Structures are given as C-alpha cells and as structure tokens.
C-alpha cells in the first residue's frame, strides 16, 4: 500500500537564494511600510518559508525622510534612549527624529516586527535604509517593490 502523506520540505540556509528589493518610502505610513519590509526580510512571501532559517531577501528603503504618520501620532510619537546612567533617559519626538535621523525611524519600526532572538538580529542586517533617493547597491540589480497601499 502506497503512502499518501505529503512531505514538507524544510529549507536550509545553504538552499536559500536571495533577491534584492528597492522600496520607495515617499508618502508611505511608517507602520504599513515596516510590516511589508519585515515580511520581505523574513521571507514570508516565498513558498518555502521556514521559520527557523533566514530565508528572506535583502531590502533597500529609499526616501526615508519622506515617510508619514497619520493623525495625532505625528505629535504624540516619541523615541526613548537611555545610556545606562541614572536620570539619563531622553525622549525624542517623531518630528525631530525625522529631521535628524530619518533612517532610524524605519530601522526601529522594522526591527520591532522581527523575532527577538539571534535570528532577528541576523535578519535586520539585510535592511539598508537611505534618507535620499540614491543608494550604492545598484550592482546587485535590485527590483522595485510596489507597496499595495501606496498613497501615490
């Protein structure tokens, strides 16, 4: 009698083929952009997704300085930083962070959507964020990724 059981293939890190994607953040909402980027980094869009293997792609985010937030979050969103010394906690508003370090906004949001373990730390290294429209990764021949909810 023949077995009709389906066998699930578990991919190894040696079997993974990585693609390069370019995501334009101009006019996109931070959270919606970050969830799409995190999904690409993790590899959830691939049919052979394996949770314990880094099977995702490399993502380049351009125009990080033109990212948006809706409603009251524009005034209420704050980023917290602490050096470890007593009383040294600092809050920075979204508006100030957008002017000074727009790359950090997207890196922080995407990192929060990845696993909190050594796999997540490995995955976040494949994220490249740039405030302007230029990036130095043209030799990798990245493909443009269209956001499904874009306001443009």
C-alpha atoms as a PDB file:
ATOM      1  CA  UNK A   1       0.000   0.000   0.000  1.00  0.00           C
ATOM      2  CA  UNK A   2       1.316   3.391  -1.015  1.00  0.00           C
ATOM      3  CA  UNK A   3       1.569   6.250   1.440  1.00  0.00           C
ATOM      4  CA  UNK A   4      -0.401   9.377   0.546  1.00  0.00           C
ATOM      5  CA  UNK A   5       1.308  11.555   3.145  1.00  0.00           C
ATOM      6  CA  UNK A   6       2.693  14.872   1.949  1.00  0.00           C
ATOM      7  CA  UNK A   7       6.250  15.633   2.901  1.00  0.00           C
ATOM      8  CA  UNK A   8       7.089  19.165   3.978  1.00  0.00           C
ATOM      9  CA  UNK A   9      10.466  20.360   2.760  1.00  0.00           C
ATOM     10  CA  UNK A  10      12.443  22.268   5.358  1.00  0.00           C
ATOM     11  CA  UNK A  11      14.958  24.578   3.725  1.00  0.00           C
ATOM     12  CA  UNK A  12      18.494  25.024   4.953  1.00  0.00           C
ATOM     13  CA  UNK A  13      20.397  28.298   4.846  1.00  0.00           C
ATOM     14  CA  UNK A  14      22.560  26.873   2.049  1.00  0.00           C
ATOM     15  CA  UNK A  15      19.485  26.362  -0.169  1.00  0.00           C
ATOM     16  CA  UNK A  16      18.250  29.962   0.056  1.00  0.00           C
ATOM     17  CA  UNK A  17      18.502  32.272  -2.960  1.00  0.00           C
ATOM     18  CA  UNK A  18      18.338  35.939  -2.014  1.00  0.00           C
ATOM     19  CA  UNK A  19      16.787  38.670  -4.123  1.00  0.00           C
ATOM     20  CA  UNK A  20      17.289  42.420  -3.713  1.00  0.00           C
ATOM     21  CA  UNK A  21      14.274  44.732  -3.452  1.00  0.00           C
ATOM     22  CA  UNK A  22      14.000  48.532  -3.546  1.00  0.00           C
ATOM     23  CA  UNK A  23      11.116  50.071  -1.599  1.00  0.00           C
ATOM     24  CA  UNK A  24      10.260  53.753  -2.034  1.00  0.00           C
ATOM     25  CA  UNK A  25       9.081  55.147   1.318  1.00  0.00           C
ATOM     26  CA  UNK A  26       7.910  58.508  -0.052  1.00  0.00           C
ATOM     27  CA  UNK A  27       4.365  59.150   1.178  1.00  0.00           C
ATOM     28  CA  UNK A  28       4.062  55.782   2.959  1.00  0.00           C
ATOM     29  CA  UNK A  29       2.867  55.334   6.545  1.00  0.00           C
ATOM     30  CA  UNK A  30       5.600  54.064   8.865  1.00  0.00           C
ATOM     31  CA  UNK A  31       3.798  51.019  10.273  1.00  0.00           C
ATOM     32  CA  UNK A  32       2.374  49.779   6.985  1.00  0.00           C
ATOM     33  CA  UNK A  33       5.729  50.197   5.271  1.00  0.00           C
ATOM     34  CA  UNK A  34       7.550  48.438   8.117  1.00  0.00           C
ATOM     35  CA  UNK A  35       5.224  45.424   8.064  1.00  0.00           C
ATOM     36  CA  UNK A  36       5.784  44.892   4.322  1.00  0.00           C
ATOM     37  CA  UNK A  37       9.551  45.312   4.662  1.00  0.00           C
ATOM     38  CA  UNK A  38       9.680  42.930   7.646  1.00  0.00           C
ATOM     39  CA  UNK A  39       7.767  40.334   5.642  1.00  0.00           C
ATOM     40  CA  UNK A  40      10.255  40.609   2.755  1.00  0.00           C
ATOM     41  CA  UNK A  41      13.232  40.406   5.133  1.00  0.00           C
ATOM     42  CA  UNK A  42      11.799  37.362   6.898  1.00  0.00           C
ATOM     43  CA  UNK A  43      10.950  35.570   3.634  1.00  0.00           C
ATOM     44  CA  UNK A  44       7.250  35.057   4.310  1.00  0.00           C
ATOM     45  CA  UNK A  45       6.395  35.823   0.679  1.00  0.00           C
ATOM     46  CA  UNK A  46       8.246  32.720  -0.500  1.00  0.00           C
ATOM     47  CA  UNK A  47       6.548  29.334  -0.791  1.00  0.00           C
ATOM     48  CA  UNK A  48       9.421  27.599   1.019  1.00  0.00           C
ATOM     49  CA  UNK A  49       9.351  29.842   4.122  1.00  0.00           C
ATOM     50  CA  UNK A  50      10.966  28.085   7.075  1.00  0.00           C
ATOM     51  CA  UNK A  51      10.550  29.856  10.453  1.00  0.00           C
ATOM     52  CA  UNK A  52      13.903  28.877  11.950  1.00  0.00           C
ATOM     53  CA  UNK A  53      16.002  29.753   8.858  1.00  0.00           C
ATOM     54  CA  UNK A  54      16.929  33.166   7.487  1.00  0.00           C
ATOM     55  CA  UNK A  55      15.323  32.650   4.070  1.00  0.00           C
ATOM     56  CA  UNK A  56      14.394  36.281   3.367  1.00  0.00           C
ATOM     57  CA  UNK A  57      15.636  38.797   0.849  1.00  0.00           C
ATOM     58  CA  UNK A  58      17.711  41.972   1.116  1.00  0.00           C
ATOM     59  CA  UNK A  59      15.693  45.195   1.153  1.00  0.00           C
ATOM     60  CA  UNK A  60      16.793  48.743   0.289  1.00  0.00           C
ATOM     61  CA  UNK A  61      14.487  51.511   1.518  1.00  0.00           C
ATOM     62  CA  UNK A  62      14.932  54.895  -0.169  1.00  0.00           C
ATOM     63  CA  UNK A  63      13.365  58.296   0.600  1.00  0.00           C
ATOM     64  CA  UNK A  64      13.133  57.530   4.319  1.00  0.00           C
ATOM     65  CA  UNK A  65      12.928  61.255   5.019  1.00  0.00           C
ATOM     66  CA  UNK A  66       9.533  61.465   3.275  1.00  0.00           C
ATOM     67  CA  UNK A  67       7.765  58.873   5.429  1.00  0.00           C
ATOM     68  CA  UNK A  68       4.483  59.887   7.133  1.00  0.00           C
ATOM     69  CA  UNK A  69       2.408  59.304  10.242  1.00  0.00           C
ATOM     70  CA  UNK A  70      -1.317  59.893  10.407  1.00  0.00           C
ATOM     71  CA  UNK A  71      -3.446  61.741  12.947  1.00  0.00           C
ATOM     72  CA  UNK A  72      -2.232  62.515  16.451  1.00  0.00           C
ATOM     73  CA  UNK A  73       0.726  60.158  16.167  1.00  0.00           C
ATOM     74  CA  UNK A  74       2.631  62.911  14.378  1.00  0.00           C
ATOM     75  CA  UNK A  75       2.744  64.884  17.649  1.00  0.00           C
ATOM     76  CA  UNK A  76       2.498  62.030  20.166  1.00  0.00           C
ATOM     77  CA  UNK A  77       5.085  59.546  18.886  1.00  0.00           C
ATOM     78  CA  UNK A  78       8.332  59.634  20.887  1.00  0.00           C
ATOM     79  CA  UNK A  79      11.522  57.583  20.778  1.00  0.00           C
ATOM     80  CA  UNK A  80      13.255  56.707  24.066  1.00  0.00           C
ATOM     81  CA  UNK A  81      17.018  56.425  24.524  1.00  0.00           C
ATOM     82  CA  UNK A  82      18.911  55.555  27.710  1.00  0.00           C
ATOM     83  CA  UNK A  83      22.674  55.488  28.261  1.00  0.00           C
ATOM     84  CA  UNK A  84      22.557  53.344  31.385  1.00  0.00           C
ATOM     85  CA  UNK A  85      23.302  56.122  33.866  1.00  0.00           C
ATOM     86  CA  UNK A  86      20.701  57.219  36.384  1.00  0.00           C
ATOM     87  CA  UNK A  87      18.464  60.005  35.110  1.00  0.00           C
ATOM     88  CA  UNK A  88      19.883  59.887  31.583  1.00  0.00           C
ATOM     89  CA  UNK A  89      16.714  58.843  29.753  1.00  0.00           C
ATOM     90  CA  UNK A  90      15.949  61.006  26.724  1.00  0.00           C
ATOM     91  CA  UNK A  91      12.780  61.297  24.649  1.00  0.00           C
ATOM     92  CA  UNK A  92      12.902  62.488  21.050  1.00  0.00           C
ATOM     93  CA  UNK A  93       9.760  63.384  19.120  1.00  0.00           C
ATOM     94  CA  UNK A  94       8.935  61.975  15.690  1.00  0.00           C
ATOM     95  CA  UNK A  95       9.304  65.395  14.043  1.00  0.00           C
ATOM     96  CA  UNK A  96      12.817  65.922  15.421  1.00  0.00           C
ATOM     97  CA  UNK A  97      13.854  62.364  14.571  1.00  0.00           C
ATOM     98  CA  UNK A  98      12.545  62.798  11.019  1.00  0.00           C
ATOM     99  CA  UNK A  99      14.761  65.849  10.570  1.00  0.00           C
ATOM    100  CA  UNK A 100      17.883  64.450  12.245  1.00  0.00           C
ATOM    101  CA  UNK A 101      17.858  60.665  11.632  1.00  0.00           C
ATOM    102  CA  UNK A 102      15.094  59.596   9.212  1.00  0.00           C
ATOM    103  CA  UNK A 103      16.798  56.232   8.654  1.00  0.00           C
ATOM    104  CA  UNK A 104      16.397  55.328  12.333  1.00  0.00           C
ATOM    105  CA  UNK A 105      12.578  55.644  12.160  1.00  0.00           C
ATOM    106  CA  UNK A 106      12.251  52.814   9.638  1.00  0.00           C
ATOM    107  CA  UNK A 107      15.018  50.678  11.166  1.00  0.00           C
ATOM    108  CA  UNK A 108      13.378  50.945  14.587  1.00  0.00           C
ATOM    109  CA  UNK A 109       9.904  50.048  13.261  1.00  0.00           C
ATOM    110  CA  UNK A 110      11.119  47.079  11.197  1.00  0.00           C
ATOM    111  CA  UNK A 111      13.315  45.739  13.985  1.00  0.00           C
ATOM    112  CA  UNK A 112      10.303  45.723  16.294  1.00  0.00           C
ATOM    113  CA  UNK A 113       8.441  43.459  13.840  1.00  0.00           C
ATOM    114  CA  UNK A 114      11.183  40.822  13.624  1.00  0.00           C
ATOM    115  CA  UNK A 115      11.863  37.962  16.063  1.00  0.00           C
ATOM    116  CA  UNK A 116      13.587  38.970  19.296  1.00  0.00           C
ATOM    117  CA  UNK A 117      16.439  36.446  19.105  1.00  0.00           C
ATOM    118  CA  UNK A 118      19.693  35.831  17.228  1.00  0.00           C
ATOM    119  CA  UNK A 119      17.761  35.109  14.025  1.00  0.00           C
ATOM    120  CA  UNK A 120      16.114  38.543  14.216  1.00  0.00           C
ATOM    121  CA  UNK A 121      19.496  40.215  14.738  1.00  0.00           C
ATOM    122  CA  UNK A 122      20.809  38.373  11.683  1.00  0.00           C
ATOM    123  CA  UNK A 123      17.785  39.309   9.554  1.00  0.00           C
ATOM    124  CA  UNK A 124      17.895  43.044  10.350  1.00  0.00           C
ATOM    125  CA  UNK A 125      21.412  43.266   8.883  1.00  0.00           C
ATOM    126  CA  UNK A 126      19.898  42.777   5.400  1.00  0.00           C
ATOM    127  CA  UNK A 127      17.964  46.055   5.714  1.00  0.00           C
ATOM    128  CA  UNK A 128      19.574  49.104   4.093  1.00  0.00           C
ATOM    129  CA  UNK A 129      17.841  52.461   4.669  1.00  0.00           C
ATOM    130  CA  UNK A 130      18.710  55.767   2.970  1.00  0.00           C
ATOM    131  CA  UNK A 131      17.193  59.218   3.504  1.00  0.00           C
ATOM    132  CA  UNK A 132      17.511  60.211  -0.157  1.00  0.00           C
ATOM    133  CA  UNK A 133      16.710  58.592  -3.472  1.00  0.00           C
ATOM    134  CA  UNK A 134      20.254  57.344  -4.188  1.00  0.00           C
ATOM    135  CA  UNK A 135      21.790  54.132  -2.893  1.00  0.00           C
ATOM    136  CA  UNK A 136      25.143  52.380  -3.520  1.00  0.00           C
ATOM    137  CA  UNK A 137      23.634  48.937  -4.229  1.00  0.00           C
ATOM    138  CA  UNK A 138      22.966  49.265  -7.971  1.00  0.00           C
ATOM    139  CA  UNK A 139      25.416  46.446  -8.771  1.00  0.00           C
ATOM    140  CA  UNK A 140      23.064  43.970  -7.032  1.00  0.00           C
ATOM    141  CA  UNK A 141      20.380  44.847  -9.630  1.00  0.00           C
ATOM    142  CA  UNK A 142      17.518  45.344  -7.162  1.00  0.00           C
ATOM    143  CA  UNK A 143      13.901  45.033  -8.289  1.00  0.00           C
ATOM    144  CA  UNK A 144      11.357  47.728  -7.390  1.00  0.00           C
ATOM    145  CA  UNK A 145       8.747  46.530  -4.882  1.00  0.00           C
ATOM    146  CA  UNK A 146       5.395  48.290  -5.224  1.00  0.00           C
ATOM    147  CA  UNK A 147       3.601  48.821  -1.928  1.00  0.00           C
ATOM    148  CA  UNK A 148      -0.018  47.597  -2.162  1.00  0.00           C
ATOM    149  CA  UNK A 149      -1.462  50.511  -0.154  1.00  0.00           C
ATOM    150  CA  UNK A 150       0.638  53.370  -1.511  1.00  0.00           C
ATOM    151  CA  UNK A 151      -0.914  56.861  -1.495  1.00  0.00           C
ATOM    152  CA  UNK A 152       0.849  57.841  -4.742  1.00  0.00           C
END
